[in-house]
């Protein structure tokens, strides 16, 4: 874990999260935004994503991240549209708008901008970081935060999905229907070829797991390594940045049917 200063900042560091601070972001949080930083830490500390949500999301935004968004909104981390207008001799020359999913405003102090990239294509990091850079240069935000899948979660995704398949005794495509995870015909053919080939056939469980993880959570999606690489190359500089990687511990397997239903229903509230 890399920090600009010594000593703990928030409870995040005790829960297995990856946290990196750039351009004195830690000092800015400690000095000017201790309460919002603690709000974010408390919200993330309570985050869980049942494995069923990861499977049924098909690689898109799991309901757990939807719950995270609503928890942030309840603490006034709200979607904000910044419009920057430039004029010369009272003639407008340029107007640019930037939208950020979560902004925490502290009147008289500044703004924290936050984006969640659970599982987009990795160029979304470029968009977020360039947004933060422009907004910081214009004085619209003091710091930018990006939350994404951490290194350990990315590395263990196959293991987590394989555990789900084994524990749920997934042995055929029909077993996936209740999770809305049945592959498209072309994908089914690829899985069947591996299962039925004469030489070195693999089990249905292994073939489907390999295909699901590589297709939905592959290297070209948003995760810590892709984000860290961009920041190290200077994308987003000089905006102070906090990078937060979600750990595998947020993925849960042990909810009973009642609790699992409540969690999924909670995640669906915004859709009803």
Protein backbone atom coordinates (compact mmCIF):
# COMPACT_ATOMS: atom_id res chain seq x y z
CA UNK A 1 0.00 0.00 0.00
CA UNK A 2 1.43 3.38 -0.97
CA UNK A 3 0.87 6.60 0.96
CA UNK A 4 2.17 10.15 0.84
CA UNK A 5 2.24 10.29 4.63
CA UNK A 6 2.60 7.86 7.51
CA UNK A 7 -0.16 6.75 9.84
CA UNK A 8 -3.69 5.47 9.27
CA UNK A 9 -6.26 7.68 7.59
CA UNK A 10 -9.49 5.69 7.75
CA UNK A 11 -10.84 2.27 8.59
CA UNK A 12 -10.44 1.34 4.93
CA UNK A 13 -6.89 0.26 5.58
CA UNK A 14 -7.97 -2.37 8.08
CA UNK A 15 -10.42 -4.05 5.73
CA UNK A 16 -8.12 -5.20 2.96
CA UNK A 17 -8.80 -2.34 0.55
CA UNK A 18 -6.09 -1.13 -1.77
CA UNK A 19 -5.62 2.60 -1.29
CA UNK A 20 -3.17 4.86 -3.10
CA UNK A 21 -2.78 8.63 -2.70
CA UNK A 22 -1.24 10.85 -5.35
CA UNK A 23 -0.26 14.54 -5.43
CA UNK A 24 -0.69 15.06 -1.69
CA UNK A 25 -4.25 13.73 -1.73
CA UNK A 26 -3.86 12.20 1.71
CA UNK A 27 -2.77 15.47 3.30
CA UNK A 28 -5.67 17.30 1.64
CA UNK A 29 -8.19 14.76 2.94
CA UNK A 30 -6.79 14.86 6.45
CA UNK A 31 -6.66 18.64 6.60
CA UNK A 32 -9.79 19.69 4.71
CA UNK A 33 -12.10 16.69 4.27
CA UNK A 34 -11.84 14.38 7.31
CA UNK A 35 -15.61 13.93 7.65
CA UNK A 36 -16.28 13.08 3.97
CA UNK A 37 -13.29 10.72 4.03
CA UNK A 38 -14.72 8.92 7.03
CA UNK A 39 -18.18 8.84 5.40
CA UNK A 40 -16.70 7.11 2.39
CA UNK A 41 -14.75 4.68 4.56
CA UNK A 42 -17.83 3.72 6.55
CA UNK A 43 -19.93 3.22 3.43
CA UNK A 44 -17.31 1.04 1.76
CA UNK A 45 -16.74 -0.93 4.95
CA UNK A 46 -20.38 -2.03 4.82
CA UNK A 47 -20.33 -2.96 1.14
CA UNK A 48 -21.05 -6.57 0.22
CA UNK A 49 -21.73 -8.12 -3.16
CA UNK A 50 -23.21 -11.64 -3.07
CA UNK A 51 -21.62 -13.90 -5.66
CA UNK A 52 -25.05 -14.36 -7.26
CA UNK A 53 -25.09 -10.67 -8.14
CA UNK A 54 -21.75 -10.94 -9.90
CA UNK A 55 -22.98 -13.89 -11.93
CA UNK A 56 -26.36 -12.42 -12.80
CA UNK A 57 -24.94 -8.99 -13.62
CA UNK A 58 -23.16 -10.57 -16.57
CA UNK A 59 -20.17 -8.32 -16.04
CA UNK A 60 -22.20 -5.11 -15.86
CA UNK A 61 -22.82 -3.09 -12.74
CA UNK A 62 -23.75 -5.43 -9.90
CA UNK A 63 -26.60 -4.44 -7.63
CA UNK A 64 -24.01 -4.10 -4.86
CA UNK A 65 -22.49 -1.14 -6.66
CA UNK A 66 -25.97 0.26 -7.19
CA UNK A 67 -26.44 0.07 -3.42
CA UNK A 68 -23.07 1.79 -3.01
CA UNK A 69 -24.25 4.63 -5.23
CA UNK A 70 -27.43 5.08 -3.21
CA UNK A 71 -25.52 4.99 0.08
CA UNK A 72 -23.26 7.77 -1.21
CA UNK A 73 -26.25 9.79 -2.42
CA UNK A 74 -27.80 9.58 1.05
CA UNK A 75 -24.66 11.22 2.41
CA UNK A 76 -24.88 14.01 -0.19
CA UNK A 77 -22.38 12.54 -2.65
CA UNK A 78 -24.62 13.57 -5.54
CA UNK A 79 -24.42 13.53 -9.33
CA UNK A 80 -23.23 16.96 -10.44
CA UNK A 81 -22.88 18.69 -13.77
CA UNK A 82 -20.17 21.31 -13.95
CA UNK A 83 -20.42 23.89 -16.73
CA UNK A 84 -17.38 26.01 -17.42
CA UNK A 85 -17.85 29.08 -19.59
CA UNK A 86 -15.07 31.30 -20.87
CA UNK A 87 -15.61 34.79 -22.25
CA UNK A 88 -13.44 37.42 -23.88
CA UNK A 89 -14.72 41.01 -23.68
CA UNK A 90 -18.10 39.66 -22.61
CA UNK A 91 -18.29 37.39 -25.66
CA UNK A 92 -18.59 33.71 -24.84
CA UNK A 93 -15.82 31.79 -26.55
CA UNK A 94 -16.14 28.37 -24.99
CA UNK A 95 -18.56 26.35 -22.90
CA UNK A 96 -17.62 22.91 -21.60
CA UNK A 97 -19.63 20.69 -19.29
CA UNK A 98 -18.39 17.81 -17.17
CA UNK A 99 -20.65 15.39 -15.30
CA UNK A 100 -19.44 13.48 -12.25
CA UNK A 101 -21.50 10.70 -10.69
CA UNK A 102 -20.71 11.59 -7.08
CA UNK A 103 -19.59 14.94 -5.72
CA UNK A 104 -19.31 15.79 -2.02
CA UNK A 105 -19.43 19.53 -1.53
CA UNK A 106 -18.06 21.23 1.56
CA UNK A 107 -19.11 24.91 1.34
CA UNK A 108 -16.19 27.22 1.84
CA UNK A 109 -13.71 24.33 1.52
CA UNK A 110 -14.11 22.58 -1.83
CA UNK A 111 -15.47 19.54 -3.63
CA UNK A 112 -14.50 15.88 -3.80
CA UNK A 113 -15.35 14.16 -7.08
CA UNK A 114 -15.82 10.38 -7.12
CA UNK A 115 -16.40 7.83 -9.86
CA UNK A 116 -17.12 4.10 -9.48
CA UNK A 117 -15.77 1.88 -12.24
CA UNK A 118 -16.87 -1.62 -11.27
CA UNK A 119 -16.68 -3.17 -14.73
CA UNK A 120 -16.49 -0.88 -17.72
CA UNK A 121 -14.06 -0.95 -20.61
CA UNK A 122 -10.74 0.39 -19.34
CA UNK A 123 -10.76 3.60 -21.49
CA UNK A 124 -13.37 4.88 -19.05
CA UNK A 125 -10.44 5.51 -16.70
CA UNK A 126 -9.01 7.97 -19.24
CA UNK A 127 -12.34 9.80 -19.33
CA UNK A 128 -12.57 10.00 -15.54
CA UNK A 129 -8.99 11.11 -15.02
CA UNK A 130 -9.09 13.75 -17.74
CA UNK A 131 -12.37 15.01 -16.30
CA UNK A 132 -10.77 15.32 -12.87
CA UNK A 133 -7.74 17.07 -14.34
CA UNK A 134 -9.82 19.72 -16.12
CA UNK A 135 -12.11 20.31 -13.17
CA UNK A 136 -9.15 20.64 -10.81
CA UNK A 137 -7.36 23.11 -13.08
CA UNK A 138 -10.52 25.23 -13.18
CA UNK A 139 -10.85 25.11 -9.39
CA UNK A 140 -14.10 23.12 -9.48
CA UNK A 141 -12.79 20.18 -7.43
CA UNK A 142 -10.09 19.74 -4.81
CA UNK A 143 -9.56 16.01 -5.18
CA UNK A 144 -10.67 13.08 -7.35
CA UNK A 145 -11.50 9.56 -6.17
CA UNK A 146 -11.89 6.42 -8.28
CA UNK A 147 -13.24 3.16 -6.88
CA UNK A 148 -12.61 -0.01 -8.89
CA UNK A 149 -11.88 -3.72 -8.49
CA UNK A 150 -8.66 -4.21 -6.55
CA UNK A 151 -5.75 -6.39 -7.63
CA UNK A 152 -6.67 -9.26 -5.33
CA UNK A 153 -10.31 -9.21 -6.41
CA UNK A 154 -9.33 -9.22 -10.09
CA UNK A 155 -6.86 -12.07 -9.52
CA UNK A 156 -9.38 -14.12 -7.53
CA UNK A 157 -12.38 -13.60 -9.79
CA UNK A 158 -11.94 -16.98 -11.47
CA UNK A 159 -11.55 -18.67 -8.10
CA UNK A 160 -14.71 -16.98 -6.79
CA UNK A 161 -16.75 -17.94 -9.85
CA UNK A 162 -15.41 -21.51 -9.72
CA UNK A 163 -16.47 -21.74 -6.08
CA UNK A 164 -19.96 -20.56 -7.02
CA UNK A 165 -20.20 -23.17 -9.79
CA UNK A 166 -19.02 -25.97 -7.49
CA UNK A 167 -21.20 -25.03 -4.51
CA UNK A 168 -24.32 -24.54 -6.65
CA UNK A 169 -23.56 -27.75 -8.56
CA UNK A 170 -23.78 -26.04 -11.94
CA UNK A 171 -23.46 -28.84 -14.49
CA UNK A 172 -25.36 -27.62 -17.57
CA UNK A 173 -26.62 -24.44 -19.19
CA UNK A 174 -30.09 -24.93 -17.73
CA UNK A 175 -28.66 -24.62 -14.23
CA UNK A 176 -27.64 -21.05 -15.06
CA UNK A 177 -31.09 -19.85 -16.09
CA UNK A 178 -32.16 -18.72 -12.61
CA UNK A 179 -29.06 -16.51 -12.48
CA UNK A 180 -29.67 -15.02 -15.95
CA UNK A 181 -26.21 -16.20 -16.94
CA UNK A 182 -26.92 -18.49 -19.91
CA UNK A 183 -24.42 -17.67 -22.68
CA UNK A 184 -25.44 -16.63 -26.17
CA UNK A 185 -25.52 -19.37 -28.85
CA UNK A 186 -22.05 -18.56 -30.17
CA UNK A 187 -20.62 -18.68 -26.65
CA UNK A 188 -22.43 -21.93 -25.90
CA UNK A 189 -20.81 -23.48 -28.95
CA UNK A 190 -17.34 -22.45 -27.76
CA UNK A 191 -17.97 -23.96 -24.32
CA UNK A 192 -19.39 -27.17 -25.80
CA UNK A 193 -16.36 -27.55 -28.07
CA UNK A 194 -14.05 -27.56 -25.06
CA UNK A 195 -16.26 -29.99 -23.17
CA UNK A 196 -16.75 -32.45 -26.05
CA UNK A 197 -13.39 -32.34 -27.79
CA UNK A 198 -11.56 -35.64 -28.21
CA UNK A 199 -8.25 -34.42 -26.81
CA UNK A 200 -8.00 -32.94 -23.32
CA UNK A 201 -11.71 -32.25 -22.76
CA UNK A 202 -12.60 -30.11 -19.75
CA UNK A 203 -15.59 -30.22 -17.43
CA UNK A 204 -18.60 -28.03 -18.08
CA UNK A 205 -17.87 -26.20 -14.83
CA UNK A 206 -14.31 -25.32 -15.88
CA UNK A 207 -15.26 -24.42 -19.44
CA UNK A 208 -18.09 -22.11 -18.40
CA UNK A 209 -16.04 -20.52 -15.60
CA UNK A 210 -13.12 -19.78 -17.93
CA UNK A 211 -15.40 -18.29 -20.55
CA UNK A 212 -17.46 -16.21 -18.12
CA UNK A 213 -14.47 -14.65 -16.35
CA UNK A 214 -12.45 -13.93 -19.49
CA UNK A 215 -15.47 -12.51 -21.30
CA UNK A 216 -16.98 -10.45 -18.48
CA UNK A 217 -14.04 -9.60 -16.18
CA UNK A 218 -11.07 -9.75 -18.52
CA UNK A 219 -7.85 -7.77 -18.57
CA UNK A 220 -9.32 -5.01 -20.75
CA UNK A 221 -11.98 -4.08 -18.19
CA UNK A 222 -11.69 -1.54 -15.38
CA UNK A 223 -9.57 -2.83 -12.51
CA UNK A 224 -6.68 -1.63 -10.36
CA UNK A 225 -3.75 -2.44 -12.67
CA UNK A 226 -5.29 -0.56 -15.58
CA UNK A 227 -6.00 2.44 -13.35
CA UNK A 228 -2.61 2.43 -11.63
CA UNK A 229 -0.81 2.20 -14.98
CA UNK A 230 -2.57 5.31 -16.25
CA UNK A 231 -1.91 7.33 -13.11
CA UNK A 232 1.77 6.36 -13.15
CA UNK A 233 1.96 7.62 -16.74
CA UNK A 234 0.62 10.96 -15.56
CA UNK A 235 -2.97 10.76 -16.78
CA UNK A 236 -5.00 13.09 -14.58
CA UNK A 237 -1.94 14.89 -13.22
CA UNK A 238 -1.76 17.27 -11.35
CA UNK A 239 -5.18 16.61 -9.80
CA UNK A 240 -4.78 15.05 -6.32
CA UNK A 241 -6.12 11.50 -6.59
CA UNK A 242 -7.28 8.73 -4.28
CA UNK A 243 -7.46 5.28 -5.85
CA UNK A 244 -9.50 2.66 -3.99
CA UNK A 245 -9.43 -1.02 -4.94
CA UNK A 246 -12.30 -3.21 -3.77
CA UNK A 247 -11.08 -6.43 -2.07
CA UNK A 248 -12.33 -10.00 -2.61
CA UNK A 249 -13.73 -9.96 0.93
CA UNK A 250 -16.72 -7.94 -0.28
CA UNK A 251 -17.89 -10.98 -2.28
CA UNK A 252 -20.06 -13.14 -0.04
CA UNK A 253 -21.34 -16.71 -0.30
CA UNK A 254 -23.05 -17.36 3.01
CA UNK A 255 -26.30 -15.41 2.91
CA UNK A 256 -29.37 -17.49 3.60
CA UNK A 257 -32.21 -17.38 1.06
CA UNK A 258 -34.10 -14.75 3.06
CA UNK A 259 -31.13 -12.43 3.49
CA UNK A 260 -30.08 -12.88 -0.13
CA UNK A 261 -33.58 -11.99 -1.32
CA UNK A 262 -33.55 -8.84 0.82
CA UNK A 263 -30.18 -7.79 -0.57
CA UNK A 264 -31.24 -8.33 -4.16
CA UNK A 265 -34.60 -6.63 -3.59
CA UNK A 266 -32.77 -3.66 -2.08
CA UNK A 267 -30.60 -3.47 -5.16
CA UNK A 268 -33.68 -3.50 -7.38
CA UNK A 269 -35.48 -0.64 -5.64
CA UNK A 270 -34.26 1.93 -8.13
CA UNK A 271 -35.61 -0.16 -11.01
CA UNK A 272 -39.19 -0.49 -9.71
